[in-house]
Amino acid sequence: MMRAVWNGAVLARADRTVVVEGTHYFPPESLHRAYFTESRARSLCPWKGIARYFTVTVDGDVKAKAAWRYPHPSPFARRIKNQVAFGNGVTVEEVVTVEDAEEAASEDGR
């Protein structure tokens, strides 16, 4: 399981993400929407298309351009359509559950 964390809050949590160029893209339904506000900021990636940004607010602290998505990606990047990536100080980390650890231990003991 992957999660995105900033300022002590879990912004998103997903069993699966899409990884492109080392960046994890989370499904939109995995976001805790109360933290997110659409931004007017945009940027252009030559092969992915135009990114739209989110501002994240946690306990009154604001982080601009903390997350982004490609609502209309190029055909080369269609796997990440509307998936959300994080940056600008947001930590993306793998969470190992007790069940994951037990399963790994049993596989090692074969």
N, C-alpha and C. Protein backbone atom coordinates (compact mmCIF):
# COMPACT_ATOMS: atom_id res chain seq x y z
N MET A 1 0.85 -1.18 0.00
CA MET A 1 0.00 0.00 0.00
C MET A 1 0.89 1.24 0.00
N MET A 2 0.49 2.24 -0.78
CA MET A 2 1.22 3.50 -0.85
C MET A 2 0.37 4.60 -0.22
N ARG A 3 1.05 5.58 0.35
CA ARG A 3 0.33 6.72 0.87
C ARG A 3 1.15 7.99 0.66
N ALA A 4 0.44 9.11 0.61
CA ALA A 4 1.05 10.43 0.50
C ALA A 4 0.75 11.17 1.79
N VAL A 5 1.80 11.74 2.41
CA VAL A 5 1.67 12.38 3.72
C VAL A 5 2.30 13.77 3.69
N TRP A 6 1.61 14.72 4.29
CA TRP A 6 2.19 16.05 4.48
C TRP A 6 1.64 16.64 5.77
N ASN A 7 2.52 17.24 6.54
CA ASN A 7 2.14 17.94 7.77
C ASN A 7 1.35 17.03 8.72
N GLY A 8 1.72 15.74 8.73
CA GLY A 8 1.09 14.78 9.63
C GLY A 8 -0.23 14.21 9.15
N ALA A 9 -0.69 14.62 7.98
CA ALA A 9 -1.98 14.13 7.46
C ALA A 9 -1.74 13.20 6.27
N VAL A 10 -2.53 12.13 6.21
CA VAL A 10 -2.50 11.23 5.06
C VAL A 10 -3.41 11.84 3.99
N LEU A 11 -2.80 12.28 2.91
CA LEU A 11 -3.54 12.93 1.83
C LEU A 11 -4.18 11.94 0.88
N ALA A 12 -3.52 10.79 0.71
CA ALA A 12 -4.03 9.74 -0.19
C ALA A 12 -3.47 8.40 0.27
N ARG A 13 -4.24 7.36 0.01
CA ARG A 13 -3.83 6.00 0.35
C ARG A 13 -4.39 5.08 -0.73
N ALA A 14 -3.52 4.23 -1.31
CA ALA A 14 -3.97 3.36 -2.39
C ALA A 14 -3.23 2.03 -2.37
N ASP A 15 -3.96 0.97 -2.69
CA ASP A 15 -3.33 -0.34 -2.81
C ASP A 15 -2.44 -0.40 -4.04
N ARG A 16 -2.82 0.34 -5.07
CA ARG A 16 -2.05 0.35 -6.32
C ARG A 16 -1.89 1.77 -6.82
N THR A 17 -0.71 2.05 -7.35
CA THR A 17 -0.45 3.31 -8.02
C THR A 17 0.15 3.00 -9.38
N VAL A 18 0.16 3.98 -10.24
CA VAL A 18 0.84 3.86 -11.53
C VAL A 18 2.14 4.63 -11.40
N VAL A 19 3.26 3.99 -11.70
CA VAL A 19 4.56 4.64 -11.56
C VAL A 19 5.07 5.03 -12.95
N VAL A 20 5.34 6.32 -13.11
CA VAL A 20 5.89 6.87 -14.34
C VAL A 20 7.09 7.71 -13.97
N GLU A 21 8.23 7.38 -14.53
CA GLU A 21 9.48 8.11 -14.27
C GLU A 21 9.75 8.22 -12.77
N GLY A 22 9.47 7.16 -12.03
CA GLY A 22 9.74 7.14 -10.60
C GLY A 22 8.71 7.86 -9.73
N THR A 23 7.67 8.40 -10.34
CA THR A 23 6.63 9.11 -9.60
C THR A 23 5.39 8.24 -9.50
N HIS A 24 4.85 8.13 -8.29
CA HIS A 24 3.62 7.36 -8.08
C HIS A 24 2.42 8.24 -8.35
N TYR A 25 1.52 7.74 -9.19
CA TYR A 25 0.26 8.42 -9.49
C TYR A 25 -0.86 7.64 -8.82
N PHE A 26 -1.61 8.33 -7.96
CA PHE A 26 -2.67 7.73 -7.16
C PHE A 26 -4.02 7.85 -7.87
N PRO A 27 -4.88 6.84 -7.72
CA PRO A 27 -6.23 6.95 -8.28
C PRO A 27 -6.97 8.11 -7.61
N PRO A 28 -7.80 8.84 -8.35
CA PRO A 28 -8.48 10.00 -7.76
C PRO A 28 -9.35 9.64 -6.56
N GLU A 29 -9.92 8.44 -6.54
CA GLU A 29 -10.77 8.05 -5.40
C GLU A 29 -9.98 7.79 -4.12
N SER A 30 -8.64 7.73 -4.22
CA SER A 30 -7.82 7.47 -3.04
C SER A 30 -7.50 8.74 -2.26
N LEU A 31 -7.85 9.90 -2.81
CA LEU A 31 -7.54 11.17 -2.16
C LEU A 31 -8.52 11.49 -1.04
N HIS A 32 -8.02 12.10 0.01
CA HIS A 32 -8.87 12.64 1.07
C HIS A 32 -9.17 14.09 0.65
N ARG A 33 -10.24 14.26 -0.09
CA ARG A 33 -10.56 15.49 -0.80
C ARG A 33 -10.66 16.73 0.09
N ALA A 34 -10.90 16.56 1.37
CA ALA A 34 -11.03 17.73 2.26
C ALA A 34 -9.74 18.56 2.28
N TYR A 35 -8.62 17.96 1.95
CA TYR A 35 -7.33 18.67 1.98
C TYR A 35 -7.01 19.40 0.67
N PHE A 36 -7.75 19.14 -0.39
CA PHE A 36 -7.37 19.60 -1.72
C PHE A 36 -8.24 20.74 -2.24
N THR A 37 -7.58 21.69 -2.90
CA THR A 37 -8.25 22.76 -3.60
C THR A 37 -7.63 22.85 -4.99
N GLU A 38 -8.48 22.91 -6.02
CA GLU A 38 -7.97 23.07 -7.38
C GLU A 38 -7.21 24.40 -7.47
N SER A 39 -6.10 24.37 -8.16
CA SER A 39 -5.29 25.57 -8.36
C SER A 39 -5.44 26.03 -9.81
N ARG A 40 -5.12 27.28 -10.05
CA ARG A 40 -5.11 27.79 -11.43
C ARG A 40 -3.80 27.46 -12.11
N ALA A 41 -2.84 26.96 -11.37
CA ALA A 41 -1.50 26.68 -11.91
C ALA A 41 -1.56 25.55 -12.93
N ARG A 42 -0.75 25.69 -13.97
CA ARG A 42 -0.63 24.69 -15.03
C ARG A 42 0.84 24.58 -15.42
N SER A 43 1.20 23.45 -15.98
CA SER A 43 2.53 23.31 -16.57
C SER A 43 2.42 22.34 -17.74
N LEU A 44 3.41 22.39 -18.61
CA LEU A 44 3.40 21.54 -19.80
C LEU A 44 4.56 20.57 -19.76
N CYS A 45 4.26 19.30 -19.87
CA CYS A 45 5.26 18.27 -20.03
C CYS A 45 5.23 17.89 -21.51
N PRO A 46 6.38 17.89 -22.18
CA PRO A 46 6.39 17.61 -23.62
C PRO A 46 5.77 16.27 -24.02
N TRP A 47 5.84 15.28 -23.14
CA TRP A 47 5.27 13.99 -23.56
C TRP A 47 4.01 13.59 -22.80
N LYS A 48 3.72 14.22 -21.65
CA LYS A 48 2.50 13.87 -20.90
C LYS A 48 1.34 14.82 -21.18
N GLY A 49 1.65 16.08 -21.44
CA GLY A 49 0.60 17.05 -21.69
C GLY A 49 0.57 18.15 -20.65
N ILE A 50 -0.60 18.74 -20.44
CA ILE A 50 -0.76 19.85 -19.50
C ILE A 50 -1.19 19.32 -18.14
N ALA A 51 -0.41 19.65 -17.13
CA ALA A 51 -0.72 19.27 -15.75
C ALA A 51 -1.52 20.37 -15.09
N ARG A 52 -2.48 19.96 -14.27
CA ARG A 52 -3.25 20.89 -13.44
C ARG A 52 -2.92 20.58 -11.99
N TYR A 53 -2.77 21.62 -11.20
CA TYR A 53 -2.28 21.47 -9.83
C TYR A 53 -3.36 21.60 -8.77
N PHE A 54 -3.03 21.08 -7.60
CA PHE A 54 -3.84 21.23 -6.40
C PHE A 54 -3.01 21.93 -5.34
N THR A 55 -3.67 22.73 -4.53
CA THR A 55 -3.10 23.26 -3.30
C THR A 55 -3.63 22.38 -2.18
N VAL A 56 -2.76 22.05 -1.23
CA VAL A 56 -3.14 21.21 -0.10
C VAL A 56 -3.12 22.07 1.16
N THR A 57 -4.15 21.93 1.99
CA THR A 57 -4.24 22.66 3.25
C THR A 57 -4.49 21.67 4.38
N VAL A 58 -3.60 21.70 5.38
CA VAL A 58 -3.71 20.82 6.55
C VAL A 58 -3.52 21.69 7.80
N ASP A 59 -4.50 21.70 8.66
CA ASP A 59 -4.43 22.46 9.91
C ASP A 59 -4.00 23.91 9.70
N GLY A 60 -4.53 24.51 8.64
CA GLY A 60 -4.23 25.91 8.36
C GLY A 60 -2.94 26.14 7.59
N ASP A 61 -2.10 25.14 7.46
CA ASP A 61 -0.87 25.27 6.68
C ASP A 61 -1.18 24.95 5.21
N VAL A 62 -0.67 25.80 4.33
CA VAL A 62 -0.99 25.69 2.91
C VAL A 62 0.27 25.33 2.13
N LYS A 63 0.14 24.37 1.22
CA LYS A 63 1.23 23.96 0.35
C LYS A 63 0.75 24.05 -1.09
N ALA A 64 1.23 25.08 -1.81
CA ALA A 64 0.84 25.27 -3.20
C ALA A 64 1.53 24.23 -4.09
N LYS A 65 0.88 23.86 -5.16
CA LYS A 65 1.41 22.92 -6.14
C LYS A 65 1.90 21.62 -5.48
N ALA A 66 1.17 21.15 -4.50
CA ALA A 66 1.55 19.94 -3.78
C ALA A 66 1.20 18.67 -4.56
N ALA A 67 0.25 18.77 -5.47
CA ALA A 67 -0.19 17.62 -6.24
C ALA A 67 -0.62 18.08 -7.63
N TRP A 68 -0.60 17.14 -8.57
CA TRP A 68 -1.03 17.48 -9.93
C TRP A 68 -1.62 16.26 -10.62
N ARG A 69 -2.33 16.56 -11.70
CA ARG A 69 -2.94 15.50 -12.50
C ARG A 69 -2.95 15.94 -13.96
N TYR A 70 -3.15 14.98 -14.83
CA TYR A 70 -3.26 15.23 -16.26
C TYR A 70 -4.66 14.82 -16.71
N PRO A 71 -5.60 15.77 -16.78
CA PRO A 71 -6.97 15.41 -17.15
C PRO A 71 -7.09 14.98 -18.62
N HIS A 72 -6.19 15.49 -19.48
CA HIS A 72 -6.22 15.16 -20.91
C HIS A 72 -4.79 14.86 -21.36
N PRO A 73 -4.22 13.74 -20.90
CA PRO A 73 -2.82 13.45 -21.24
C PRO A 73 -2.67 13.09 -22.72
N SER A 74 -1.44 13.13 -23.16
CA SER A 74 -1.14 12.69 -24.52
C SER A 74 -1.41 11.18 -24.60
N PRO A 75 -1.55 10.65 -25.80
CA PRO A 75 -1.77 9.20 -25.93
C PRO A 75 -0.67 8.37 -25.27
N PHE A 76 0.54 8.90 -25.23
CA PHE A 76 1.66 8.17 -24.60
C PHE A 76 1.49 8.03 -23.09
N ALA A 77 0.73 8.93 -22.48
CA ALA A 77 0.58 8.96 -21.03
C ALA A 77 -0.84 8.64 -20.58
N ARG A 78 -1.61 7.98 -21.41
CA ARG A 78 -3.02 7.74 -21.08
C ARG A 78 -3.22 6.94 -19.79
N ARG A 79 -2.21 6.18 -19.36
CA ARG A 79 -2.32 5.41 -18.11
C ARG A 79 -2.50 6.29 -16.88
N ILE A 80 -2.08 7.55 -16.98
CA ILE A 80 -2.16 8.42 -15.80
C ILE A 80 -3.28 9.45 -15.89
N LYS A 81 -4.20 9.25 -16.81
CA LYS A 81 -5.31 10.19 -16.92
C LYS A 81 -6.03 10.33 -15.58
N ASN A 82 -6.08 11.57 -15.08
CA ASN A 82 -6.73 11.93 -13.81
C ASN A 82 -6.10 11.31 -12.57
N GLN A 83 -5.04 10.54 -12.72
CA GLN A 83 -4.31 10.02 -11.55
C GLN A 83 -3.56 11.20 -10.94
N VAL A 84 -3.33 11.17 -9.62
CA VAL A 84 -2.74 12.31 -8.93
C VAL A 84 -1.36 11.97 -8.39
N ALA A 85 -0.40 12.83 -8.71
CA ALA A 85 0.98 12.69 -8.23
C ALA A 85 1.26 13.78 -7.20
N PHE A 86 2.29 13.56 -6.42
CA PHE A 86 2.63 14.50 -5.34
C PHE A 86 4.08 14.94 -5.43
N GLY A 87 4.33 16.14 -4.96
CA GLY A 87 5.68 16.69 -4.91
C GLY A 87 5.70 17.86 -3.94
N ASN A 88 6.70 18.71 -4.06
CA ASN A 88 6.78 19.94 -3.27
C ASN A 88 6.68 19.67 -1.77
N GLY A 89 7.43 18.67 -1.30
CA GLY A 89 7.48 18.40 0.13
C GLY A 89 6.53 17.35 0.64
N VAL A 90 5.66 16.82 -0.21
CA VAL A 90 4.76 15.74 0.20
C VAL A 90 5.55 14.43 0.12
N THR A 91 5.48 13.64 1.17
CA THR A 91 6.18 12.35 1.22
C THR A 91 5.29 11.25 0.68
N VAL A 92 5.79 10.49 -0.27
CA VAL A 92 5.09 9.31 -0.77
C VAL A 92 5.87 8.11 -0.25
N GLU A 93 5.16 7.23 0.46
CA GLU A 93 5.84 6.11 1.11
C GLU A 93 5.02 4.84 1.02
N GLU A 94 5.74 3.73 1.07
CA GLU A 94 5.07 2.44 1.09
C GLU A 94 4.75 2.09 2.53
N VAL A 95 3.57 1.59 2.76
CA VAL A 95 3.13 1.18 4.09
C VAL A 95 3.07 -0.34 4.09
N VAL A 96 3.78 -0.94 5.01
CA VAL A 96 3.76 -2.40 5.12
C VAL A 96 2.83 -2.75 6.27
N THR A 97 1.78 -3.49 5.96
CA THR A 97 0.83 -3.90 6.99
C THR A 97 1.32 -5.18 7.64
N VAL A 98 0.71 -5.54 8.74
CA VAL A 98 1.04 -6.79 9.43
C VAL A 98 0.80 -7.97 8.49
N GLU A 99 -0.29 -7.91 7.74
CA GLU A 99 -0.60 -8.99 6.80
C GLU A 99 0.46 -9.11 5.73
N ASP A 100 0.95 -7.96 5.22
CA ASP A 100 2.02 -7.98 4.21
C ASP A 100 3.28 -8.64 4.78
N ALA A 101 3.64 -8.27 6.00
CA ALA A 101 4.84 -8.81 6.62
C ALA A 101 4.71 -10.31 6.85
N GLU A 102 3.54 -10.75 7.31
CA GLU A 102 3.32 -12.19 7.54
C GLU A 102 3.38 -12.97 6.23
N GLU A 103 2.80 -12.39 5.17
CA GLU A 103 2.81 -13.07 3.87
C GLU A 103 4.24 -13.17 3.34
N ALA A 104 5.02 -12.11 3.48
CA ALA A 104 6.41 -12.13 3.02
C ALA A 104 7.23 -13.15 3.81
N ALA A 105 6.97 -13.22 5.12
CA ALA A 105 7.70 -14.18 5.96
C ALA A 105 7.36 -15.62 5.56
N SER A 106 6.08 -15.88 5.26
CA SER A 106 5.70 -17.24 4.89
C SER A 106 6.26 -17.61 3.52
N GLU A 107 6.39 -16.63 2.60
CA GLU A 107 6.99 -16.91 1.30
C GLU A 107 8.47 -17.17 1.42
N ASP A 108 9.15 -16.47 2.34
CA ASP A 108 10.58 -16.70 2.56
C ASP A 108 10.84 -18.07 3.18
N GLY A 109 9.87 -18.60 3.90
CA GLY A 109 10.04 -19.87 4.60
C GLY A 109 9.67 -21.08 3.77
N ARG A 110 9.41 -20.91 2.49
CA ARG A 110 9.01 -22.05 1.66
C ARG A 110 10.04 -23.11 1.63
